[in-house]
Amino acid sequence: MTISDLETGELHRFANFAAAAVPKNIAGVYTIWDADQFIYVGIGGTRIRYTEPDYANSSLPTIP
């Protein structure tokens, strides 16, 4: 990710945040702008935990 990505990324209004297509369970960087004025940069998803898939109870085919 570059500074340009943060400047030109898809816009989401705070009023519509619940309906925004923001991925769940993913770490990311976001910026807050007031028109063309940069206000804040932050990170989200810092407590994501990786868990091993449960292959014993999976519907995936086994490898011969």
PDB file of N, CA and C in Angstrom:
ATOM      1  N   MET A   1       0.848  -1.167   0.000  1.00  0.00           N
ATOM      2  CA  MET A   1       0.000   0.000   0.000  1.00  0.00           C
ATOM      3  C   MET A   1       0.896   1.233   0.000  1.00  0.00           C
ATOM      4  N   THR A   2       0.476   2.232  -0.749  1.00  0.00           N
ATOM      5  CA  THR A   2       1.230   3.475  -0.835  1.00  0.00           C
ATOM      6  C   THR A   2       0.387   4.639  -0.335  1.00  0.00           C
ATOM      7  N   ILE A   3       1.019   5.782  -0.155  1.00  0.00           N
ATOM      8  CA  ILE A   3       0.288   6.996   0.227  1.00  0.00           C
ATOM      9  C   ILE A   3      -0.759   7.312  -0.826  1.00  0.00           C
ATOM     10  N   SER A   4      -0.428   7.109  -2.075  1.00  0.00           N
ATOM     11  CA  SER A   4      -1.380   7.364  -3.159  1.00  0.00           C
ATOM     12  C   SER A   4      -2.635   6.506  -3.005  1.00  0.00           C
ATOM     13  N   ASP A   5      -2.469   5.249  -2.582  1.00  0.00           N
ATOM     14  CA  ASP A   5      -3.630   4.375  -2.359  1.00  0.00           C
ATOM     15  C   ASP A   5      -4.557   4.959  -1.301  1.00  0.00           C
ATOM     16  N   LEU A   6      -3.980   5.538  -0.251  1.00  0.00           N
ATOM     17  CA  LEU A   6      -4.798   6.131   0.810  1.00  0.00           C
ATOM     18  C   LEU A   6      -5.486   7.410   0.341  1.00  0.00           C
ATOM     19  N   GLU A   7      -4.860   8.117  -0.581  1.00  0.00           N
ATOM     20  CA  GLU A   7      -5.439   9.364  -1.094  1.00  0.00           C
ATOM     21  C   GLU A   7      -6.530   9.116  -2.122  1.00  0.00           C
ATOM     22  N   THR A   8      -6.455   8.009  -2.829  1.00  0.00           N
ATOM     23  CA  THR A   8      -7.372   7.784  -3.944  1.00  0.00           C
ATOM     24  C   THR A   8      -8.284   6.576  -3.753  1.00  0.00           C
ATOM     25  N   GLY A   9      -8.270   5.970  -2.571  1.00  0.00           N
ATOM     26  CA  GLY A   9      -9.094   4.786  -2.322  1.00  0.00           C
ATOM     27  C   GLY A   9     -10.584   5.105  -2.311  1.00  0.00           C
ATOM     28  N   GLU A  10     -11.373   4.058  -2.239  1.00  0.00           N
ATOM     29  CA  GLU A  10     -12.833   4.204  -2.207  1.00  0.00           C
ATOM     30  C   GLU A  10     -13.261   4.981  -0.960  1.00  0.00           C
ATOM     31  N   LEU A  11     -14.204   5.889  -1.136  1.00  0.00           N
ATOM     32  CA  LEU A  11     -14.685   6.717  -0.032  1.00  0.00           C
ATOM     33  C   LEU A  11     -15.875   6.070   0.660  1.00  0.00           C
ATOM     34  N   HIS A  12     -15.920   6.186   1.979  1.00  0.00           N
ATOM     35  CA  HIS A  12     -17.048   5.719   2.785  1.00  0.00           C
ATOM     36  C   HIS A  12     -17.384   6.810   3.787  1.00  0.00           C
ATOM     37  N   ARG A  13     -18.632   7.238   3.818  1.00  0.00           N
ATOM     38  CA  ARG A  13     -19.069   8.229   4.801  1.00  0.00           C
ATOM     39  C   ARG A  13     -19.286   7.534   6.142  1.00  0.00           C
ATOM     40  N   PHE A  14     -18.914   8.212   7.238  1.00  0.00           N
ATOM     41  CA  PHE A  14     -19.146   7.637   8.566  1.00  0.00           C
ATOM     42  C   PHE A  14     -20.626   7.355   8.796  1.00  0.00           C
ATOM     43  N   ALA A  15     -21.497   8.189   8.258  1.00  0.00           N
ATOM     44  CA  ALA A  15     -22.940   7.995   8.436  1.00  0.00           C
ATOM     45  C   ALA A  15     -23.398   6.668   7.841  1.00  0.00           C
ATOM     46  N   ASN A  16     -22.681   6.165   6.849  1.00  0.00           N
ATOM     47  CA  ASN A  16     -23.055   4.919   6.173  1.00  0.00           C
ATOM     48  C   ASN A  16     -22.077   3.789   6.479  1.00  0.00           C
ATOM     49  N   PHE A  17     -21.277   3.936   7.520  1.00  0.00           N
ATOM     50  CA  PHE A  17     -20.201   2.982   7.772  1.00  0.00           C
ATOM     51  C   PHE A  17     -20.696   1.547   7.919  1.00  0.00           C
ATOM     52  N   ALA A  18     -21.808   1.334   8.581  1.00  0.00           N
ATOM     53  CA  ALA A  18     -22.304  -0.036   8.784  1.00  0.00           C
ATOM     54  C   ALA A  18     -22.621  -0.717   7.461  1.00  0.00           C
ATOM     55  N   ALA A  19     -22.991   0.053   6.450  1.00  0.00           N
ATOM     56  CA  ALA A  19     -23.340  -0.519   5.156  1.00  0.00           C
ATOM     57  C   ALA A  19     -22.152  -0.573   4.198  1.00  0.00           C
ATOM     58  N   ALA A  20     -21.013  -0.039   4.595  1.00  0.00           N
ATOM     59  CA  ALA A  20     -19.837  -0.003   3.714  1.00  0.00           C
ATOM     60  C   ALA A  20     -19.304  -1.412   3.482  1.00  0.00           C
ATOM     61  N   ALA A  21     -18.714  -1.604   2.328  1.00  0.00           N
ATOM     62  CA  ALA A  21     -18.148  -2.910   1.977  1.00  0.00           C
ATOM     63  C   ALA A  21     -16.743  -3.043   2.556  1.00  0.00           C
ATOM     64  N   VAL A  22     -16.635  -2.905   3.858  1.00  0.00           N
ATOM     65  CA  VAL A  22     -15.348  -3.024   4.538  1.00  0.00           C
ATOM     66  C   VAL A  22     -15.170  -4.479   4.940  1.00  0.00           C
ATOM     67  N   PRO A  23     -14.087  -5.113   4.505  1.00  0.00           N
ATOM     68  CA  PRO A  23     -13.896  -6.525   4.848  1.00  0.00           C
ATOM     69  C   PRO A  23     -13.821  -6.741   6.353  1.00  0.00           C
ATOM     70  N   LYS A  24     -14.403  -7.817   6.805  1.00  0.00           N
ATOM     71  CA  LYS A  24     -14.343  -8.187   8.214  1.00  0.00           C
ATOM     72  C   LYS A  24     -13.130  -9.092   8.433  1.00  0.00           C
ATOM     73  N   ASN A  25     -12.559  -9.052   9.608  1.00  0.00           N
ATOM     74  CA  ASN A  25     -11.452  -9.923  10.005  1.00  0.00           C
ATOM     75  C   ASN A  25     -10.207  -9.750   9.129  1.00  0.00           C
ATOM     76  N   ILE A  26      -9.930  -8.509   8.768  1.00  0.00           N
ATOM     77  CA  ILE A  26      -8.745  -8.197   7.974  1.00  0.00           C
ATOM     78  C   ILE A  26      -8.082  -6.971   8.574  1.00  0.00           C
ATOM     79  N   ALA A  27      -6.772  -6.987   8.677  1.00  0.00           N
ATOM     80  CA  ALA A  27      -6.045  -5.802   9.138  1.00  0.00           C
ATOM     81  C   ALA A  27      -5.950  -4.812   7.986  1.00  0.00           C
ATOM     82  N   GLY A  28      -6.005  -3.535   8.298  1.00  0.00           N
ATOM     83  CA  GLY A  28      -5.925  -2.538   7.241  1.00  0.00           C
ATOM     84  C   GLY A  28      -5.572  -1.161   7.766  1.00  0.00           C
ATOM     85  N   VAL A  29      -5.343  -0.269   6.840  1.00  0.00           N
ATOM     86  CA  VAL A  29      -5.022   1.121   7.135  1.00  0.00           C
ATOM     87  C   VAL A  29      -6.140   1.980   6.580  1.00  0.00           C
ATOM     88  N   TYR A  30      -6.502   3.027   7.311  1.00  0.00           N
ATOM     89  CA  TYR A  30      -7.533   3.937   6.826  1.00  0.00           C
ATOM     90  C   TYR A  30      -7.123   5.375   7.088  1.00  0.00           C
ATOM     91  N   THR A  31      -7.703   6.276   6.319  1.00  0.00           N
ATOM     92  CA  THR A  31      -7.467   7.707   6.518  1.00  0.00           C
ATOM     93  C   THR A  31      -8.802   8.408   6.671  1.00  0.00           C
ATOM     94  N   ILE A  32      -8.784   9.526   7.362  1.00  0.00           N
ATOM     95  CA  ILE A  32      -9.976  10.354   7.526  1.00  0.00           C
ATOM     96  C   ILE A  32      -9.676  11.709   6.904  1.00  0.00           C
ATOM     97  N   TRP A  33     -10.600  12.154   6.072  1.00  0.00           N
ATOM     98  CA  TRP A  33     -10.447  13.409   5.342  1.00  0.00           C
ATOM     99  C   TRP A  33     -11.655  14.293   5.589  1.00  0.00           C
ATOM    100  N   ASP A  34     -11.458  15.592   5.551  1.00  0.00           N
ATOM    101  CA  ASP A  34     -12.531  16.589   5.545  1.00  0.00           C
ATOM    102  C   ASP A  34     -12.382  17.322   4.225  1.00  0.00           C
ATOM    103  N   ALA A  35     -13.175  16.910   3.245  1.00  0.00           N
ATOM    104  CA  ALA A  35     -13.023  17.371   1.865  1.00  0.00           C
ATOM    105  C   ALA A  35     -11.603  17.010   1.411  1.00  0.00           C
ATOM    106  N   ASP A  36     -10.771  17.979   1.064  1.00  0.00           N
ATOM    107  CA  ASP A  36      -9.406  17.700   0.616  1.00  0.00           C
ATOM    108  C   ASP A  36      -8.376  17.780   1.735  1.00  0.00           C
ATOM    109  N   GLN A  37      -8.818  17.992   2.967  1.00  0.00           N
ATOM    110  CA  GLN A  37      -7.877  18.139   4.082  1.00  0.00           C
ATOM    111  C   GLN A  37      -7.720  16.815   4.825  1.00  0.00           C
ATOM    112  N   PHE A  38      -6.480  16.328   4.885  1.00  0.00           N
ATOM    113  CA  PHE A  38      -6.162  15.107   5.616  1.00  0.00           C
ATOM    114  C   PHE A  38      -6.285  15.377   7.113  1.00  0.00           C
ATOM    115  N   ILE A  39      -6.991  14.483   7.836  1.00  0.00           N
ATOM    116  CA  ILE A  39      -7.215  14.653   9.270  1.00  0.00           C
ATOM    117  C   ILE A  39      -6.477  13.597  10.097  1.00  0.00           C
ATOM    118  N   TYR A  40      -6.538  12.326   9.687  1.00  0.00           N
ATOM    119  CA  TYR A  40      -6.069  11.244  10.563  1.00  0.00           C
ATOM    120  C   TYR A  40      -5.752   9.999   9.747  1.00  0.00           C
ATOM    121  N   VAL A  41      -4.795   9.209  10.219  1.00  0.00           N
ATOM    122  CA  VAL A  41      -4.539   7.879   9.665  1.00  0.00           C
ATOM    123  C   VAL A  41      -4.553   6.887  10.821  1.00  0.00           C
ATOM    124  N   GLY A  42      -5.118   5.725  10.593  1.00  0.00           N
ATOM    125  CA  GLY A  42      -5.186   4.714  11.645  1.00  0.00           C
ATOM    126  C   GLY A  42      -5.093   3.317  11.066  1.00  0.00           C
ATOM    127  N   ILE A  43      -5.033   2.344  11.962  1.00  0.00           N
ATOM    128  CA  ILE A  43      -5.020   0.946  11.549  1.00  0.00           C
ATOM    129  C   ILE A  43      -6.171   0.229  12.233  1.00  0.00           C
ATOM    130  N   GLY A  44      -6.658  -0.789  11.618  1.00  0.00           N
ATOM    131  CA  GLY A  44      -7.729  -1.593  12.197  1.00  0.00           C
ATOM    132  C   GLY A  44      -7.407  -3.066  12.048  1.00  0.00           C
ATOM    133  N   GLY A  45      -8.038  -3.861  12.874  1.00  0.00           N
ATOM    134  CA  GLY A  45      -7.858  -5.306  12.781  1.00  0.00           C
ATOM    135  C   GLY A  45      -6.566  -5.805  13.382  1.00  0.00           C
ATOM    136  N   THR A  46      -6.093  -5.163  14.442  1.00  0.00           N
ATOM    137  CA  THR A  46      -4.818  -5.567  15.024  1.00  0.00           C
ATOM    138  C   THR A  46      -4.936  -6.783  15.934  1.00  0.00           C
ATOM    139  N   ARG A  47      -6.127  -7.225  16.239  1.00  0.00           N
ATOM    140  CA  ARG A  47      -6.297  -8.384  17.128  1.00  0.00           C
ATOM    141  C   ARG A  47      -6.771  -9.620  16.376  1.00  0.00           C
ATOM    142  N   ILE A  48      -6.496  -9.675  15.111  1.00  0.00           N
ATOM    143  CA  ILE A  48      -6.883 -10.831  14.308  1.00  0.00           C
ATOM    144  C   ILE A  48      -6.013 -12.013  14.706  1.00  0.00           C
ATOM    145  N   ARG A  49      -6.623 -13.147  14.848  1.00  0.00           N
ATOM    146  CA  ARG A  49      -5.889 -14.356  15.226  1.00  0.00           C
ATOM    147  C   ARG A  49      -6.056 -15.401  14.136  1.00  0.00           C
ATOM    148  N   TYR A  50      -4.952 -15.994  13.761  1.00  0.00           N
ATOM    149  CA  TYR A  50      -4.984 -17.078  12.792  1.00  0.00           C
ATOM    150  C   TYR A  50      -5.273 -18.372  13.528  1.00  0.00           C
ATOM    151  N   THR A  51      -6.185 -19.159  13.002  1.00  0.00           N
ATOM    152  CA  THR A  51      -6.443 -20.480  13.572  1.00  0.00           C
ATOM    153  C   THR A  51      -6.253 -21.525  12.478  1.00  0.00           C
ATOM    154  N   GLU A  52      -5.684 -22.627  12.859  1.00  0.00           N
ATOM    155  CA  GLU A  52      -5.481 -23.718  11.914  1.00  0.00           C
ATOM    156  C   GLU A  52      -6.834 -24.287  11.497  1.00  0.00           C
ATOM    157  N   PRO A  53      -6.982 -24.603  10.207  1.00  0.00           N
ATOM    158  CA  PRO A  53      -8.227 -25.249   9.774  1.00  0.00           C
ATOM    159  C   PRO A  53      -8.385 -26.608  10.447  1.00  0.00           C
ATOM    160  N   ASP A  54      -9.613 -27.005  10.697  1.00  0.00           N
ATOM    161  CA  ASP A  54      -9.897 -28.304  11.308  1.00  0.00           C
ATOM    162  C   ASP A  54     -10.111 -29.315  10.187  1.00  0.00           C
ATOM    163  N   TYR A  55      -9.021 -29.889   9.704  1.00  0.00           N
ATOM    164  CA  TYR A  55      -9.112 -30.800   8.574  1.00  0.00           C
ATOM    165  C   TYR A  55      -9.853 -32.086   8.916  1.00  0.00           C
ATOM    166  N   ALA A  56      -9.834 -32.504  10.163  1.00  0.00           N
ATOM    167  CA  ALA A  56     -10.517 -33.737  10.551  1.00  0.00           C
ATOM    168  C   ALA A  56     -12.023 -33.614  10.362  1.00  0.00           C
ATOM    169  N   ASN A  57     -12.563 -32.423  10.527  1.00  0.00           N
ATOM    170  CA  ASN A  57     -14.002 -32.216  10.383  1.00  0.00           C
ATOM    171  C   ASN A  57     -14.341 -31.448   9.115  1.00  0.00           C
ATOM    172  N   SER A  58     -13.431 -31.458   8.159  1.00  0.00           N
ATOM    173  CA  SER A  58     -13.609 -30.697   6.932  1.00  0.00           C
ATOM    174  C   SER A  58     -14.285 -31.549   5.870  1.00  0.00           C
ATOM    175  N   SER A  59     -14.953 -30.882   4.951  1.00  0.00           N
ATOM    176  CA  SER A  59     -15.550 -31.597   3.831  1.00  0.00           C
ATOM    177  C   SER A  59     -14.587 -31.644   2.644  1.00  0.00           C
ATOM    178  N   LEU A  60     -13.340 -31.216   2.860  1.00  0.00           N
ATOM    179  CA  LEU A  60     -12.349 -31.267   1.793  1.00  0.00           C
ATOM    180  C   LEU A  60     -11.955 -32.712   1.524  1.00  0.00           C
ATOM    181  N   PRO A  61     -11.706 -33.034   0.263  1.00  0.00           N
ATOM    182  CA  PRO A  61     -11.265 -34.403  -0.034  1.00  0.00           C
ATOM    183  C   PRO A  61      -9.875 -34.641   0.531  1.00  0.00           C
ATOM    184  N   THR A  62      -9.616 -35.872   0.909  1.00  0.00           N
ATOM    185  CA  THR A  62      -8.295 -36.221   1.424  1.00  0.00           C
ATOM    186  C   THR A  62      -7.342 -36.439   0.263  1.00  0.00           C
ATOM    187  N   ILE A  63      -6.068 -36.215   0.507  1.00  0.00           N
ATOM    188  CA  ILE A  63      -5.051 -36.418  -0.525  1.00  0.00           C
ATOM    189  C   ILE A  63      -4.590 -37.864  -0.442  1.00  0.00           C
ATOM    190  N   PRO A  64      -4.658 -38.598  -1.574  1.00  0.00           N
ATOM    191  CA  PRO A  64      -4.254 -40.017  -1.552  1.00  0.00           C
ATOM    192  C   PRO A  64      -2.773 -40.185  -1.336  1.00  0.00           C
TER     193      PRO A  64
END
